[in-house]
Amino acid sequence: MLLGEHEHSLPDKNRLTLPSKLRGAFEEGVVVTRGLDGCLYAYPRDGWQQLAERIQALDPLAEASRRMRRHFFSGAAHGELDKQGRMVIPSGLLESAGITREVTVAGVYDHLEIWDRAAWQKQLHEVEGSAEDVAERLAN
């Protein structure tokens, strides 16, 4: 299970160092892609396969399905962690999410979200302000 909030800086080579407690989930590789809400998603290979199967099962004739396929698949990149637990994030993905040098990595159960730190702070403020309302709606 991927949990926690971790702040990092990206060096010039776009290599993100994962905290040691998260690295085990990515031993078989990582897939980084565009996420939702202005972040990137990083999935362990098996988690990516599960998401890909869900997206692939959508009706290819429906416009919304085609958009979802393009969003997740066209920018996705396979990678491996190096010996220091770093993964390279393609510059095009960083640009698409508006990610600069200072990032926050958030564990979200089965994947990581990679955020520009300022955008994460804004998102976190919004989440904290509405979590109770969302929980109530989901409970009903």
Protein backbone atom coordinates (compact mmCIF):
# COMPACT_ATOMS: atom_id res chain seq x y z
CA MET A 1 0.00 0.00 0.00
CA LEU A 2 1.39 3.39 -0.99
CA LEU A 3 0.82 6.02 1.68
CA GLY A 4 2.16 9.33 2.90
CA GLU A 5 3.20 12.73 1.64
CA HIS A 6 6.82 13.29 0.65
CA GLU A 7 8.51 16.48 -0.53
CA HIS A 8 11.33 16.33 -3.06
CA SER A 9 13.27 18.44 -5.52
CA LEU A 10 13.82 17.41 -9.12
CA PRO A 11 17.38 17.80 -10.39
CA ASP A 12 18.12 18.87 -13.95
CA LYS A 13 17.87 15.29 -15.22
CA ASN A 14 14.24 14.92 -14.01
CA ARG A 15 15.09 12.04 -11.68
CA LEU A 16 12.71 11.72 -8.77
CA THR A 17 14.07 9.88 -5.74
CA LEU A 18 11.42 7.78 -4.05
CA PRO A 19 11.49 7.32 -0.27
CA SER A 20 12.92 3.92 0.64
CA LYS A 21 9.62 2.74 2.14
CA LEU A 22 7.88 3.19 -1.25
CA ARG A 23 10.51 1.60 -3.48
CA GLY A 24 9.50 -2.02 -2.92
CA ALA A 25 6.23 -1.53 -4.80
CA PHE A 26 8.18 -0.51 -7.91
CA GLU A 27 10.71 -3.37 -8.06
CA GLU A 28 9.09 -4.70 -11.24
CA GLY A 29 9.05 -1.27 -12.85
CA VAL A 30 6.99 1.89 -12.95
CA VAL A 31 4.62 3.54 -15.40
CA VAL A 32 4.24 7.31 -15.21
CA THR A 33 1.37 9.02 -16.98
CA ARG A 34 -0.84 12.08 -16.92
CA GLY A 35 -3.10 12.00 -13.91
CA LEU A 36 -6.27 13.86 -13.09
CA ASP A 37 -6.63 17.16 -11.24
CA GLY A 38 -3.27 18.49 -12.47
CA CYS A 39 -0.81 15.84 -11.32
CA LEU A 40 1.03 12.81 -12.68
CA TYR A 41 0.32 9.22 -11.69
CA ALA A 42 3.05 6.67 -11.06
CA TYR A 43 1.87 3.05 -10.97
CA PRO A 44 3.72 -0.14 -10.21
CA ARG A 45 3.59 -2.28 -13.35
CA ASP A 46 0.85 -4.60 -12.05
CA GLY A 47 -1.27 -1.65 -10.87
CA TRP A 48 -0.87 0.00 -14.25
CA GLN A 49 -2.05 -3.18 -15.94
CA GLN A 50 -5.24 -3.14 -13.84
CA LEU A 51 -5.95 0.50 -14.72
CA ALA A 52 -5.16 -0.12 -18.39
CA GLU A 53 -7.62 -3.01 -18.51
CA ARG A 54 -10.37 -0.82 -17.04
CA ILE A 55 -9.73 1.91 -19.60
CA GLN A 56 -9.42 -0.58 -22.46
CA ALA A 57 -12.81 -2.05 -21.53
CA LEU A 58 -14.51 1.28 -22.23
CA ASP A 59 -16.51 1.54 -25.47
CA PRO A 60 -14.04 2.75 -28.15
CA LEU A 61 -16.89 4.31 -30.11
CA ALA A 62 -17.82 6.66 -27.26
CA GLU A 63 -16.10 10.03 -27.37
CA ALA A 64 -15.48 10.12 -23.60
CA SER A 65 -13.80 6.71 -23.78
CA ARG A 66 -11.50 7.84 -26.57
CA ARG A 67 -10.54 10.90 -24.56
CA MET A 68 -9.70 8.80 -21.52
CA ARG A 69 -7.58 6.45 -23.61
CA ARG A 70 -5.66 9.35 -25.14
CA HIS A 71 -5.21 11.03 -21.78
CA PHE A 72 -3.72 8.04 -20.00
CA PHE A 73 -1.99 6.08 -22.78
CA SER A 74 -0.48 8.65 -25.14
CA GLY A 75 1.86 10.18 -22.60
CA ALA A 76 2.58 7.11 -20.51
CA ALA A 77 6.19 6.05 -20.04
CA HIS A 78 7.61 2.78 -18.71
CA GLY A 79 10.62 3.02 -16.45
CA GLU A 80 12.75 1.37 -13.80
CA LEU A 81 14.13 2.61 -10.51
CA ASP A 82 17.91 2.91 -10.48
CA LYS A 83 20.07 1.69 -7.59
CA GLN A 84 19.42 4.92 -5.66
CA GLY A 85 15.65 4.53 -6.00
CA ARG A 86 15.29 7.21 -8.65
CA MET A 87 12.95 7.23 -11.60
CA VAL A 88 13.19 9.48 -14.63
CA ILE A 89 10.10 11.50 -15.44
CA PRO A 90 9.86 12.60 -19.09
CA SER A 91 9.96 16.37 -19.46
CA GLY A 92 6.75 16.36 -21.54
CA LEU A 93 4.84 14.84 -18.64
CA LEU A 94 6.31 17.34 -16.20
CA GLU A 95 5.27 20.19 -18.49
CA SER A 96 1.74 18.81 -18.95
CA ALA A 97 1.22 18.84 -15.17
CA GLY A 98 2.95 22.19 -14.61
CA ILE A 99 5.54 20.53 -12.39
CA THR A 100 8.65 22.54 -11.68
CA ARG A 101 11.60 21.76 -9.42
CA GLU A 102 9.77 21.44 -6.07
CA VAL A 103 7.41 18.46 -5.96
CA THR A 104 5.22 16.57 -3.51
CA VAL A 105 4.71 12.84 -3.92
CA ALA A 106 1.50 11.57 -2.36
CA GLY A 107 0.80 7.89 -1.80
CA VAL A 108 -2.78 7.15 -2.85
CA TYR A 109 -3.17 3.46 -1.97
CA ASP A 110 -2.31 1.77 -5.30
CA HIS A 111 -0.33 4.55 -7.00
CA LEU A 112 1.58 7.75 -6.40
CA GLU A 113 0.49 11.22 -7.38
CA ILE A 114 3.29 13.59 -8.31
CA TRP A 115 2.40 17.25 -7.86
CA ASP A 116 4.03 20.61 -8.22
CA ARG A 117 4.39 21.56 -4.55
CA ALA A 118 2.37 24.79 -4.84
CA ALA A 119 -0.45 23.00 -6.69
CA TRP A 120 -0.41 20.25 -4.03
CA GLN A 121 -0.83 22.80 -1.24
CA LYS A 122 -3.82 24.29 -3.05
CA GLN A 123 -5.32 20.84 -3.68
CA LEU A 124 -4.77 19.79 -0.08
CA HIS A 125 -6.51 22.92 1.17
CA GLU A 126 -9.51 22.17 -1.06
CA VAL A 127 -9.61 18.51 0.01
CA GLU A 128 -9.46 19.36 3.69
CA GLY A 129 -12.24 21.89 3.26
CA SER A 130 -14.62 19.46 1.57
CA ALA A 131 -13.70 15.98 2.85
CA GLU A 132 -16.61 15.79 5.29
CA ASP A 133 -19.14 16.80 2.65
CA VAL A 134 -17.77 14.28 0.16
CA ALA A 135 -17.77 11.52 2.79
CA GLU A 136 -21.41 12.28 3.58
CA ARG A 137 -22.42 12.13 -0.10
CA LEU A 138 -20.55 8.86 -0.66
CA ALA A 139 -22.15 7.32 2.43
CA ASN A 140 -25.62 7.94 1.00
